[in-house]
Amino acid sequence: MPRPTLAQIAYGSATVVFSTLAMLLLTQTRTGPGIAVIALVALFLGLLVAMTVPMPRPSLRARARRARVPGTGSRTPEHAQPPAEARVSEHSLYG
């Protein structure tokens, strides 16, 4: 599992803090169980936001290096033709 990025941590933390404050102010709850429920909901929202932030893609240099290392790139060369079933002939396109 990849490590979370700084952006994921920042967005998730900000979501937890601001959603907790907003829910506490809107509901005006003062009981322990109510505050606990709000805190759990805020933590869930923060986790949801942190996981939906897109992960950075590898750089071009890293992708090129991975393609050169045997066994880590694609299994078929780029110039390989698709299987006969996948090829479309001109006859099937024009009648």
N, C-alpha and C. Protein backbone atom coordinates (compact mmCIF):
# COMPACT_ATOMS: atom_id res chain seq x y z
N MET A 1 0.85 -1.17 0.00
CA MET A 1 0.00 0.00 0.00
C MET A 1 0.90 1.23 0.00
N PRO A 2 0.65 2.17 -0.92
CA PRO A 2 1.50 3.35 -0.99
C PRO A 2 1.27 4.29 0.20
N ARG A 3 2.30 5.03 0.51
CA ARG A 3 2.19 5.99 1.61
C ARG A 3 1.33 7.16 1.18
N PRO A 4 0.58 7.77 2.12
CA PRO A 4 -0.23 8.95 1.75
C PRO A 4 0.68 10.14 1.45
N THR A 5 0.25 10.95 0.50
CA THR A 5 1.01 12.13 0.15
C THR A 5 0.70 13.26 1.12
N LEU A 6 1.48 14.32 1.03
CA LEU A 6 1.26 15.47 1.90
C LEU A 6 -0.10 16.10 1.63
N ALA A 7 -0.51 16.12 0.37
CA ALA A 7 -1.81 16.68 0.02
C ALA A 7 -2.95 15.86 0.64
N GLN A 8 -2.83 14.55 0.61
CA GLN A 8 -3.87 13.71 1.21
C GLN A 8 -3.97 13.95 2.71
N ILE A 9 -2.84 14.05 3.37
CA ILE A 9 -2.86 14.29 4.82
C ILE A 9 -3.46 15.66 5.12
N ALA A 10 -3.07 16.68 4.34
CA ALA A 10 -3.57 18.03 4.58
C ALA A 10 -5.07 18.13 4.34
N TYR A 11 -5.55 17.59 3.21
CA TYR A 11 -6.98 17.65 2.92
C TYR A 11 -7.80 16.85 3.94
N GLY A 12 -7.31 15.69 4.31
CA GLY A 12 -8.04 14.88 5.29
C GLY A 12 -8.10 15.55 6.65
N SER A 13 -6.98 16.11 7.09
CA SER A 13 -6.96 16.79 8.39
C SER A 13 -7.85 18.02 8.40
N ALA A 14 -7.78 18.80 7.34
CA ALA A 14 -8.63 20.00 7.25
C ALA A 14 -10.10 19.62 7.23
N THR A 15 -10.43 18.54 6.56
CA THR A 15 -11.82 18.08 6.53
C THR A 15 -12.30 17.68 7.91
N VAL A 16 -11.47 16.98 8.66
CA VAL A 16 -11.85 16.55 10.01
C VAL A 16 -12.09 17.76 10.89
N VAL A 17 -11.18 18.71 10.87
CA VAL A 17 -11.30 19.88 11.76
C VAL A 17 -12.52 20.71 11.40
N PHE A 18 -12.65 21.07 10.12
CA PHE A 18 -13.75 21.96 9.73
C PHE A 18 -15.11 21.28 9.79
N SER A 19 -15.19 20.01 9.45
CA SER A 19 -16.49 19.34 9.55
C SER A 19 -16.90 19.13 10.99
N THR A 20 -15.94 18.89 11.89
CA THR A 20 -16.28 18.76 13.31
C THR A 20 -16.81 20.08 13.85
N LEU A 21 -16.11 21.16 13.55
CA LEU A 21 -16.57 22.47 14.02
C LEU A 21 -17.95 22.81 13.44
N ALA A 22 -18.15 22.57 12.17
CA ALA A 22 -19.43 22.90 11.54
C ALA A 22 -20.57 22.09 12.14
N MET A 23 -20.35 20.77 12.33
CA MET A 23 -21.42 19.94 12.88
C MET A 23 -21.71 20.30 14.34
N LEU A 24 -20.67 20.62 15.12
CA LEU A 24 -20.90 21.01 16.50
C LEU A 24 -21.66 22.32 16.59
N LEU A 25 -21.33 23.27 15.71
CA LEU A 25 -22.03 24.55 15.73
C LEU A 25 -23.46 24.41 15.22
N LEU A 26 -23.68 23.59 14.21
CA LEU A 26 -25.02 23.44 13.65
C LEU A 26 -25.95 22.65 14.56
N THR A 27 -25.45 21.61 15.19
CA THR A 27 -26.31 20.78 16.04
C THR A 27 -26.41 21.31 17.46
N GLN A 28 -25.45 22.08 17.89
CA GLN A 28 -25.38 22.64 19.25
C GLN A 28 -25.52 21.55 20.32
N THR A 29 -24.91 20.43 20.08
CA THR A 29 -24.96 19.34 21.04
C THR A 29 -23.96 19.57 22.16
N ARG A 30 -24.31 19.12 23.36
CA ARG A 30 -23.44 19.28 24.51
C ARG A 30 -23.25 17.95 25.26
N THR A 31 -23.85 16.89 24.75
CA THR A 31 -23.74 15.61 25.43
C THR A 31 -22.53 14.84 24.91
N GLY A 32 -22.01 13.98 25.74
CA GLY A 32 -20.85 13.18 25.37
C GLY A 32 -21.09 12.28 24.19
N PRO A 33 -22.17 11.48 24.19
CA PRO A 33 -22.42 10.60 23.04
C PRO A 33 -22.63 11.37 21.73
N GLY A 34 -23.26 12.53 21.80
CA GLY A 34 -23.47 13.33 20.59
C GLY A 34 -22.15 13.83 20.02
N ILE A 35 -21.26 14.27 20.89
CA ILE A 35 -19.95 14.74 20.46
C ILE A 35 -19.14 13.58 19.88
N ALA A 36 -19.26 12.40 20.49
CA ALA A 36 -18.54 11.23 20.00
C ALA A 36 -19.03 10.84 18.60
N VAL A 37 -20.33 10.89 18.37
CA VAL A 37 -20.87 10.57 17.05
C VAL A 37 -20.38 11.57 16.03
N ILE A 38 -20.39 12.85 16.38
CA ILE A 38 -19.91 13.89 15.45
C ILE A 38 -18.43 13.68 15.14
N ALA A 39 -17.64 13.34 16.14
CA ALA A 39 -16.21 13.12 15.93
C ALA A 39 -15.98 11.92 15.01
N LEU A 40 -16.73 10.85 15.20
CA LEU A 40 -16.58 9.68 14.33
C LEU A 40 -16.99 9.98 12.89
N VAL A 41 -18.07 10.72 12.73
CA VAL A 41 -18.50 11.09 11.38
C VAL A 41 -17.45 11.98 10.72
N ALA A 42 -16.87 12.90 11.47
CA ALA A 42 -15.84 13.78 10.92
C ALA A 42 -14.59 12.98 10.53
N LEU A 43 -14.22 12.01 11.35
CA LEU A 43 -13.07 11.17 11.00
C LEU A 43 -13.33 10.37 9.73
N PHE A 44 -14.54 9.86 9.60
CA PHE A 44 -14.90 9.12 8.38
C PHE A 44 -14.85 10.03 7.16
N LEU A 45 -15.38 11.26 7.28
CA LEU A 45 -15.33 12.20 6.16
C LEU A 45 -13.88 12.55 5.80
N GLY A 46 -13.04 12.74 6.81
CA GLY A 46 -11.64 13.04 6.54
C GLY A 46 -10.94 11.90 5.82
N LEU A 47 -11.22 10.68 6.23
CA LEU A 47 -10.64 9.51 5.56
C LEU A 47 -11.14 9.40 4.13
N LEU A 48 -12.42 9.66 3.93
CA LEU A 48 -12.99 9.61 2.59
C LEU A 48 -12.35 10.65 1.67
N VAL A 49 -12.18 11.86 2.18
CA VAL A 49 -11.56 12.92 1.38
C VAL A 49 -10.11 12.58 1.09
N ALA A 50 -9.39 12.09 2.07
CA ALA A 50 -7.97 11.77 1.88
C ALA A 50 -7.78 10.66 0.86
N MET A 51 -8.67 9.70 0.81
CA MET A 51 -8.53 8.60 -0.13
C MET A 51 -8.97 8.96 -1.54
N THR A 52 -9.78 10.01 -1.70
CA THR A 52 -10.22 10.40 -3.04
C THR A 52 -9.29 11.40 -3.69
N VAL A 53 -8.32 11.96 -2.97
CA VAL A 53 -7.33 12.84 -3.58
C VAL A 53 -6.47 11.98 -4.49
N PRO A 54 -6.32 12.37 -5.76
CA PRO A 54 -5.56 11.52 -6.68
C PRO A 54 -4.10 11.39 -6.28
N MET A 55 -3.56 10.20 -6.50
CA MET A 55 -2.15 9.94 -6.25
C MET A 55 -1.34 10.51 -7.41
N PRO A 56 -0.14 11.01 -7.14
CA PRO A 56 0.68 11.53 -8.24
C PRO A 56 1.14 10.40 -9.15
N ARG A 57 1.17 10.68 -10.44
CA ARG A 57 1.65 9.69 -11.40
C ARG A 57 3.16 9.68 -11.40
N PRO A 58 3.77 8.55 -11.71
CA PRO A 58 5.22 8.51 -11.78
C PRO A 58 5.74 9.43 -12.90
N SER A 59 6.91 9.95 -12.72
CA SER A 59 7.48 10.85 -13.71
C SER A 59 7.83 10.07 -14.99
N LEU A 60 8.08 10.81 -16.04
CA LEU A 60 8.45 10.17 -17.31
C LEU A 60 9.73 9.37 -17.16
N ARG A 61 10.66 9.90 -16.38
CA ARG A 61 11.94 9.21 -16.18
C ARG A 61 11.72 7.87 -15.46
N ALA A 62 10.85 7.86 -14.45
CA ALA A 62 10.58 6.62 -13.71
C ALA A 62 9.86 5.61 -14.59
N ARG A 63 8.93 6.08 -15.43
CA ARG A 63 8.23 5.16 -16.33
C ARG A 63 9.17 4.58 -17.36
N ALA A 64 10.09 5.40 -17.88
CA ALA A 64 11.05 4.91 -18.87
C ALA A 64 12.01 3.90 -18.24
N ARG A 65 12.42 4.17 -17.01
CA ARG A 65 13.32 3.25 -16.31
C ARG A 65 12.62 1.92 -16.06
N ARG A 66 11.36 1.96 -15.68
CA ARG A 66 10.61 0.74 -15.42
C ARG A 66 10.41 -0.06 -16.71
N ALA A 67 10.25 0.64 -17.84
CA ALA A 67 10.05 -0.05 -19.11
C ALA A 67 11.33 -0.74 -19.57
N ARG A 68 12.49 -0.21 -19.18
CA ARG A 68 13.75 -0.81 -19.58
C ARG A 68 14.12 -2.02 -18.74
N VAL A 69 13.62 -2.10 -17.52
CA VAL A 69 13.96 -3.22 -16.64
C VAL A 69 13.13 -4.43 -17.07
N PRO A 70 13.79 -5.56 -17.38
CA PRO A 70 13.03 -6.73 -17.82
C PRO A 70 12.09 -7.24 -16.72
N GLY A 71 10.89 -7.59 -17.14
CA GLY A 71 9.93 -8.18 -16.22
C GLY A 71 9.04 -7.18 -15.53
N THR A 72 9.30 -5.86 -15.68
CA THR A 72 8.45 -4.88 -15.02
C THR A 72 7.61 -4.10 -16.00
N GLY A 73 7.96 -4.10 -17.26
CA GLY A 73 7.20 -3.37 -18.27
C GLY A 73 6.06 -4.21 -18.80
N SER A 74 5.56 -3.80 -19.94
CA SER A 74 4.47 -4.58 -20.53
C SER A 74 5.03 -5.88 -21.10
N ARG A 75 4.20 -6.88 -21.16
CA ARG A 75 4.63 -8.20 -21.61
C ARG A 75 4.75 -8.29 -23.13
N THR A 76 3.96 -7.49 -23.86
CA THR A 76 4.01 -7.55 -25.30
C THR A 76 4.68 -6.31 -25.84
N PRO A 77 5.51 -6.47 -26.86
CA PRO A 77 6.14 -5.28 -27.45
C PRO A 77 5.10 -4.42 -28.15
N GLU A 78 5.43 -3.13 -28.31
CA GLU A 78 4.47 -2.21 -28.91
C GLU A 78 4.18 -2.54 -30.36
N HIS A 79 5.12 -3.14 -31.08
CA HIS A 79 4.92 -3.42 -32.49
C HIS A 79 4.22 -4.75 -32.73
N ALA A 80 3.87 -5.47 -31.68
CA ALA A 80 3.20 -6.77 -31.84
C ALA A 80 1.77 -6.55 -32.33
N GLN A 81 1.30 -7.44 -33.18
CA GLN A 81 -0.04 -7.33 -33.71
C GLN A 81 -1.02 -8.02 -32.77
N PRO A 82 -2.26 -7.53 -32.74
CA PRO A 82 -3.27 -8.19 -31.90
C PRO A 82 -3.64 -9.54 -32.49
N PRO A 83 -4.28 -10.39 -31.70
CA PRO A 83 -4.68 -11.70 -32.22
C PRO A 83 -5.64 -11.56 -33.39
N ALA A 84 -5.74 -12.61 -34.18
CA ALA A 84 -6.56 -12.56 -35.40
C ALA A 84 -8.00 -12.22 -35.10
N GLU A 85 -8.53 -12.67 -33.96
CA GLU A 85 -9.93 -12.40 -33.62
C GLU A 85 -10.16 -10.91 -33.39
N ALA A 86 -9.14 -10.20 -32.89
CA ALA A 86 -9.30 -8.79 -32.56
C ALA A 86 -9.10 -7.88 -33.76
N ARG A 87 -8.44 -8.38 -34.81
CA ARG A 87 -8.21 -7.55 -35.99
C ARG A 87 -9.49 -7.39 -36.78
N VAL A 88 -9.68 -6.20 -37.31
CA VAL A 88 -10.86 -5.91 -38.13
C VAL A 88 -10.40 -5.83 -39.57
N SER A 89 -11.03 -6.58 -40.42
CA SER A 89 -10.64 -6.54 -41.83
C SER A 89 -11.46 -5.46 -42.55
N GLU A 90 -10.95 -5.07 -43.70
CA GLU A 90 -11.67 -4.06 -44.49
C GLU A 90 -12.99 -4.63 -44.99
N HIS A 91 -13.07 -5.92 -45.20
CA HIS A 91 -14.30 -6.51 -45.72
C HIS A 91 -15.43 -6.40 -44.70
N SER A 92 -15.11 -6.52 -43.43
CA SER A 92 -16.17 -6.45 -42.44
C SER A 92 -16.65 -5.02 -42.22
N LEU A 93 -15.81 -4.03 -42.57
CA LEU A 93 -16.20 -2.65 -42.40
C LEU A 93 -17.10 -2.14 -43.53
N TYR A 94 -16.86 -2.62 -44.73
CA TYR A 94 -17.56 -2.05 -45.89
C TYR A 94 -18.49 -3.05 -46.57
N GLY A 95 -18.99 -3.97 -45.86
CA GLY A 95 -20.03 -4.81 -46.43
C GLY A 95 -19.57 -6.12 -46.78
